[in-house]
């Protein structure tokens, strides 16, 4: 009986996955496959795979690219909040209503 308990105590090790799936938009998928077809139009050498292309592109990814994507992800309300924070850091605390009034006066 004790032998059975000792056998059940050890847990099987989980296998480490070497691959994982990533969801991409249909447009991104089409662009990647078109690019891969273009890359793989060669007479010699093995086929370039999607993960090789992705790793190569990620190595070329710069800080400027990161900042551009961060800016592009901001909604208009996020941009307004960002301007409000910049204004209060520069000019001291102010109510949002007063800031909006300031912006409206600036437009007129």
N, C-alpha and C. Protein backbone atom coordinates (compact mmCIF):
# COMPACT_ATOMS: atom_id res chain seq x y z
N UNK A 1 0.81 -1.19 0.00
CA UNK A 1 0.00 0.00 0.00
C UNK A 1 0.86 1.26 0.00
N UNK A 2 1.92 1.24 0.80
CA UNK A 2 2.81 2.39 0.84
C UNK A 2 3.52 2.59 -0.49
N UNK A 3 3.81 1.53 -1.19
CA UNK A 3 4.48 1.62 -2.47
C UNK A 3 3.60 2.38 -3.48
N UNK A 4 2.30 2.13 -3.43
CA UNK A 4 1.39 2.83 -4.33
C UNK A 4 1.35 4.32 -4.01
N UNK A 5 1.34 4.68 -2.76
CA UNK A 5 1.32 6.08 -2.36
C UNK A 5 2.60 6.78 -2.80
N UNK A 6 3.72 6.13 -2.66
CA UNK A 6 5.00 6.72 -3.06
C UNK A 6 5.04 6.94 -4.56
N UNK A 7 4.45 6.05 -5.32
CA UNK A 7 4.43 6.20 -6.77
C UNK A 7 3.54 7.37 -7.18
N UNK A 8 2.45 7.59 -6.49
CA UNK A 8 1.52 8.66 -6.83
C UNK A 8 2.02 10.03 -6.39
N UNK A 9 2.97 10.08 -5.50
CA UNK A 9 3.47 11.35 -4.98
C UNK A 9 4.23 12.12 -6.04
N UNK A 10 5.00 11.43 -6.87
CA UNK A 10 5.79 12.13 -7.89
C UNK A 10 4.87 12.58 -9.01
N UNK A 11 4.95 13.86 -9.33
CA UNK A 11 4.12 14.43 -10.39
C UNK A 11 4.88 14.35 -11.71
N UNK A 12 4.16 14.08 -12.78
CA UNK A 12 4.84 14.05 -14.08
C UNK A 12 5.27 15.46 -14.47
N UNK A 13 6.43 15.57 -15.09
CA UNK A 13 6.93 16.88 -15.51
C UNK A 13 6.17 17.34 -16.74
N UNK A 14 5.91 18.62 -16.78
CA UNK A 14 5.22 19.19 -17.93
C UNK A 14 6.22 19.39 -19.05
N UNK A 15 5.77 19.15 -20.26
CA UNK A 15 6.62 19.36 -21.42
C UNK A 15 6.67 20.86 -21.73
N UNK A 16 7.85 21.34 -22.03
CA UNK A 16 8.01 22.74 -22.40
C UNK A 16 7.62 22.90 -23.88
N UNK A 17 6.76 23.84 -24.15
CA UNK A 17 6.34 24.09 -25.53
C UNK A 17 7.41 24.91 -26.24
N UNK A 18 7.72 24.50 -27.43
CA UNK A 18 8.71 25.22 -28.22
C UNK A 18 8.04 26.24 -29.13
N UNK A 19 6.77 26.09 -29.33
CA UNK A 19 6.01 26.99 -30.21
C UNK A 19 4.80 27.51 -29.46
N UNK A 20 4.32 28.64 -29.90
CA UNK A 20 3.07 29.16 -29.37
C UNK A 20 2.33 29.87 -30.49
N UNK A 21 1.05 30.02 -30.32
CA UNK A 21 0.26 30.67 -31.36
C UNK A 21 0.01 32.12 -30.98
N UNK A 22 -0.12 32.94 -32.01
CA UNK A 22 -0.37 34.36 -31.83
C UNK A 22 -1.50 34.75 -32.77
N UNK A 23 -2.47 35.47 -32.26
CA UNK A 23 -3.57 35.92 -33.10
C UNK A 23 -3.18 37.22 -33.79
N UNK A 24 -3.36 37.26 -35.09
CA UNK A 24 -3.08 38.46 -35.87
C UNK A 24 -4.29 38.76 -36.74
N UNK A 25 -4.38 40.00 -37.16
CA UNK A 25 -5.49 40.38 -38.03
C UNK A 25 -5.29 39.74 -39.40
N UNK A 26 -6.37 39.66 -40.14
CA UNK A 26 -6.30 39.06 -41.47
C UNK A 26 -5.37 39.88 -42.38
N UNK A 27 -5.41 41.20 -42.23
CA UNK A 27 -4.56 42.07 -43.03
C UNK A 27 -3.08 41.82 -42.75
N UNK A 28 -2.71 41.69 -41.48
CA UNK A 28 -1.32 41.41 -41.11
C UNK A 28 -0.88 40.05 -41.62
N UNK A 29 -1.77 39.07 -41.53
CA UNK A 29 -1.47 37.73 -42.03
C UNK A 29 -1.21 37.75 -43.53
N UNK A 30 -2.06 38.46 -44.28
CA UNK A 30 -1.90 38.53 -45.73
C UNK A 30 -0.59 39.21 -46.10
N UNK A 31 -0.26 40.31 -45.41
CA UNK A 31 0.98 41.01 -45.71
C UNK A 31 2.20 40.15 -45.42
N UNK A 32 2.15 39.40 -44.33
CA UNK A 32 3.27 38.53 -43.97
C UNK A 32 3.43 37.40 -44.97
N UNK A 33 2.32 36.81 -45.39
CA UNK A 33 2.43 35.71 -46.34
C UNK A 33 2.90 36.19 -47.71
N UNK A 34 2.48 37.36 -48.13
CA UNK A 34 2.96 37.93 -49.39
C UNK A 34 4.47 38.18 -49.30
N UNK A 35 4.92 38.72 -48.19
CA UNK A 35 6.34 38.98 -47.99
C UNK A 35 7.13 37.67 -47.97
N UNK A 36 6.61 36.66 -47.30
CA UNK A 36 7.29 35.36 -47.25
C UNK A 36 7.37 34.72 -48.63
N UNK A 37 6.31 34.84 -49.42
CA UNK A 37 6.35 34.30 -50.78
C UNK A 37 7.44 34.99 -51.59
N UNK A 38 7.55 36.30 -51.42
CA UNK A 38 8.58 37.06 -52.14
C UNK A 38 9.98 36.64 -51.68
N UNK A 39 10.17 36.46 -50.39
CA UNK A 39 11.46 36.05 -49.85
C UNK A 39 11.84 34.66 -50.32
N UNK A 40 10.86 33.77 -50.39
CA UNK A 40 11.13 32.38 -50.73
C UNK A 40 11.19 32.10 -52.22
N UNK A 41 11.08 33.13 -53.05
CA UNK A 41 11.25 32.94 -54.48
C UNK A 41 12.74 32.94 -54.80
N UNK A 42 13.34 31.80 -54.63
CA UNK A 42 14.77 31.63 -54.85
C UNK A 42 15.00 30.21 -55.31
N UNK A 43 16.14 29.98 -55.92
CA UNK A 43 16.41 28.65 -56.46
C UNK A 43 17.11 27.75 -55.46
N UNK A 44 17.88 28.31 -54.59
CA UNK A 44 18.65 27.52 -53.63
C UNK A 44 18.32 27.93 -52.20
N UNK A 45 18.63 27.04 -51.29
CA UNK A 45 18.43 27.33 -49.87
C UNK A 45 17.09 26.84 -49.37
N UNK A 46 17.02 26.72 -48.07
CA UNK A 46 15.76 26.25 -47.50
C UNK A 46 14.77 27.40 -47.37
N UNK A 47 13.55 27.03 -47.09
CA UNK A 47 12.45 27.98 -47.01
C UNK A 47 12.57 28.82 -45.74
N UNK A 48 12.34 30.12 -45.88
CA UNK A 48 12.31 31.02 -44.72
C UNK A 48 10.94 30.90 -44.10
N UNK A 49 10.90 30.72 -42.79
CA UNK A 49 9.63 30.54 -42.08
C UNK A 49 9.20 31.85 -41.43
N UNK A 50 7.94 31.88 -41.04
CA UNK A 50 7.36 33.09 -40.46
C UNK A 50 8.12 33.54 -39.21
N UNK A 51 8.51 32.61 -38.35
CA UNK A 51 9.18 33.01 -37.12
C UNK A 51 10.57 33.58 -37.39
N UNK A 52 11.24 33.13 -38.46
CA UNK A 52 12.52 33.71 -38.83
C UNK A 52 12.34 35.16 -39.28
N UNK A 53 11.31 35.38 -40.08
CA UNK A 53 11.00 36.74 -40.53
C UNK A 53 10.67 37.64 -39.35
N UNK A 54 9.85 37.14 -38.44
CA UNK A 54 9.46 37.93 -37.28
C UNK A 54 10.66 38.26 -36.39
N UNK A 55 11.52 37.29 -36.14
CA UNK A 55 12.72 37.55 -35.33
C UNK A 55 13.62 38.58 -35.98
N UNK A 56 13.77 38.50 -37.30
CA UNK A 56 14.60 39.48 -38.01
C UNK A 56 14.02 40.88 -37.87
N UNK A 57 12.70 40.98 -38.05
CA UNK A 57 12.06 42.29 -37.94
C UNK A 57 12.11 42.84 -36.52
N UNK A 58 12.00 41.97 -35.53
CA UNK A 58 12.06 42.41 -34.14
C UNK A 58 13.46 42.92 -33.78
N UNK A 59 14.48 42.36 -34.39
CA UNK A 59 15.84 42.84 -34.14
C UNK A 59 16.03 44.25 -34.68
N UNK A 60 15.31 44.59 -35.74
CA UNK A 60 15.40 45.92 -36.36
C UNK A 60 14.50 46.95 -35.69
N UNK A 61 13.64 46.50 -34.77
CA UNK A 61 12.68 47.37 -34.09
C UNK A 61 13.43 48.35 -33.21
N UNK A 62 13.19 49.64 -33.40
CA UNK A 62 13.94 50.68 -32.67
C UNK A 62 13.07 51.35 -31.61
N UNK A 63 13.71 52.19 -30.83
CA UNK A 63 13.01 52.97 -29.82
C UNK A 63 12.03 53.93 -30.48
N UNK A 64 12.40 54.46 -31.65
CA UNK A 64 11.50 55.35 -32.38
C UNK A 64 10.24 54.62 -32.82
N UNK A 65 10.39 53.37 -33.26
CA UNK A 65 9.23 52.57 -33.64
C UNK A 65 8.31 52.36 -32.45
N UNK A 66 8.91 52.10 -31.30
CA UNK A 66 8.15 51.90 -30.07
C UNK A 66 7.35 53.15 -29.72
N UNK A 67 8.00 54.30 -29.77
CA UNK A 67 7.32 55.56 -29.45
C UNK A 67 6.21 55.87 -30.45
N UNK A 68 6.43 55.58 -31.74
CA UNK A 68 5.41 55.82 -32.74
C UNK A 68 4.18 54.96 -32.48
N UNK A 69 4.39 53.69 -32.16
CA UNK A 69 3.26 52.81 -31.87
C UNK A 69 2.53 53.25 -30.60
N UNK A 70 3.27 53.73 -29.61
CA UNK A 70 2.63 54.22 -28.40
C UNK A 70 1.79 55.45 -28.70
N UNK A 71 2.30 56.37 -29.51
CA UNK A 71 1.54 57.57 -29.87
C UNK A 71 0.31 57.22 -30.71
N UNK A 72 0.48 56.28 -31.63
CA UNK A 72 -0.63 55.89 -32.49
C UNK A 72 -1.75 55.20 -31.72
N UNK A 73 -1.42 54.63 -30.57
CA UNK A 73 -2.44 53.92 -29.80
C UNK A 73 -3.28 54.85 -28.93
N UNK A 74 -2.90 56.13 -28.84
CA UNK A 74 -3.64 57.07 -28.00
C UNK A 74 -4.93 57.51 -28.65
N UNK A 75 -6.00 57.53 -27.89
CA UNK A 75 -7.27 58.08 -28.37
C UNK A 75 -7.21 59.61 -28.21
N UNK A 76 -8.21 60.28 -28.74
CA UNK A 76 -8.24 61.74 -28.62
C UNK A 76 -8.34 62.17 -27.16
N UNK A 77 -9.10 61.44 -26.37
CA UNK A 77 -9.21 61.79 -24.95
C UNK A 77 -7.88 61.56 -24.23
N UNK A 78 -7.14 60.53 -24.65
CA UNK A 78 -5.81 60.29 -24.08
C UNK A 78 -4.85 61.44 -24.42
N UNK A 79 -4.94 61.92 -25.66
CA UNK A 79 -4.09 63.04 -26.08
C UNK A 79 -4.43 64.30 -25.30
N UNK A 80 -5.73 64.52 -25.07
CA UNK A 80 -6.16 65.68 -24.30
C UNK A 80 -5.66 65.58 -22.87
N UNK A 81 -5.75 64.39 -22.28
CA UNK A 81 -5.24 64.17 -20.91
C UNK A 81 -3.74 64.40 -20.85
N UNK A 82 -3.04 63.97 -21.87
CA UNK A 82 -1.59 64.16 -21.92
C UNK A 82 -1.24 65.66 -21.97
N UNK A 83 -1.97 66.41 -22.78
CA UNK A 83 -1.75 67.86 -22.87
C UNK A 83 -2.08 68.54 -21.54
N UNK A 84 -3.14 68.07 -20.89
CA UNK A 84 -3.52 68.63 -19.59
C UNK A 84 -2.41 68.40 -18.57
N UNK A 85 -1.86 67.20 -18.53
CA UNK A 85 -0.78 66.90 -17.58
C UNK A 85 0.47 67.72 -17.88
N UNK A 86 0.79 67.87 -19.17
CA UNK A 86 1.95 68.70 -19.54
C UNK A 86 1.74 70.14 -19.09
N UNK A 87 0.51 70.65 -19.29
CA UNK A 87 0.21 72.02 -18.90
C UNK A 87 0.31 72.21 -17.39
N UNK A 88 -0.25 71.26 -16.62
CA UNK A 88 -0.19 71.40 -15.16
C UNK A 88 1.23 71.23 -14.63
N UNK A 89 2.03 70.41 -15.26
CA UNK A 89 3.44 70.29 -14.84
C UNK A 89 4.20 71.59 -15.09
N UNK A 90 3.86 72.26 -16.17
CA UNK A 90 4.56 73.48 -16.55
C UNK A 90 4.04 74.71 -15.79
N UNK A 91 2.71 74.79 -15.61
CA UNK A 91 2.09 76.00 -15.08
C UNK A 91 1.47 75.85 -13.70
N UNK A 92 1.57 74.68 -13.11
CA UNK A 92 0.97 74.47 -11.80
C UNK A 92 -0.42 73.88 -11.91
N UNK A 93 -0.99 73.47 -10.77
CA UNK A 93 -2.30 72.80 -10.79
C UNK A 93 -3.41 73.73 -11.27
N UNK A 94 -4.32 73.14 -12.03
CA UNK A 94 -5.46 73.86 -12.58
C UNK A 94 -6.60 72.86 -12.75
N UNK A 95 -7.83 73.32 -12.61
CA UNK A 95 -8.98 72.44 -12.82
C UNK A 95 -9.09 72.11 -14.30
N UNK A 96 -9.65 70.95 -14.57
CA UNK A 96 -9.81 70.55 -15.97
C UNK A 96 -10.75 71.50 -16.71
N UNK A 97 -11.79 71.95 -16.03
CA UNK A 97 -12.72 72.89 -16.67
C UNK A 97 -12.01 74.16 -17.09
N UNK A 98 -11.11 74.66 -16.24
CA UNK A 98 -10.35 75.86 -16.58
C UNK A 98 -9.40 75.59 -17.74
N UNK A 99 -8.85 74.40 -17.78
CA UNK A 99 -7.96 74.04 -18.88
C UNK A 99 -8.74 73.98 -20.19
N UNK A 100 -9.95 73.40 -20.14
CA UNK A 100 -10.79 73.34 -21.34
C UNK A 100 -11.16 74.75 -21.79
N UNK A 101 -11.46 75.62 -20.84
CA UNK A 101 -11.77 77.02 -21.18
C UNK A 101 -10.56 77.69 -21.82
N UNK A 102 -9.37 77.41 -21.30
CA UNK A 102 -8.14 77.96 -21.86
C UNK A 102 -7.95 77.50 -23.30
N UNK A 103 -8.21 76.21 -23.54
CA UNK A 103 -8.08 75.67 -24.91
C UNK A 103 -9.10 76.32 -25.86
N UNK A 104 -10.32 76.51 -25.37
CA UNK A 104 -11.35 77.14 -26.20
C UNK A 104 -10.99 78.58 -26.54
N UNK A 105 -10.46 79.31 -25.56
CA UNK A 105 -10.03 80.69 -25.80
C UNK A 105 -8.89 80.72 -26.81
N UNK A 106 -8.03 79.75 -26.73
CA UNK A 106 -6.89 79.66 -27.64
C UNK A 106 -7.34 79.42 -29.07
N UNK A 107 -8.43 78.66 -29.24
CA UNK A 107 -8.97 78.37 -30.57
C UNK A 107 -9.62 79.60 -31.21
N UNK A 108 -10.22 80.44 -30.38
CA UNK A 108 -10.94 81.63 -30.91
C UNK A 108 -10.03 82.75 -31.10
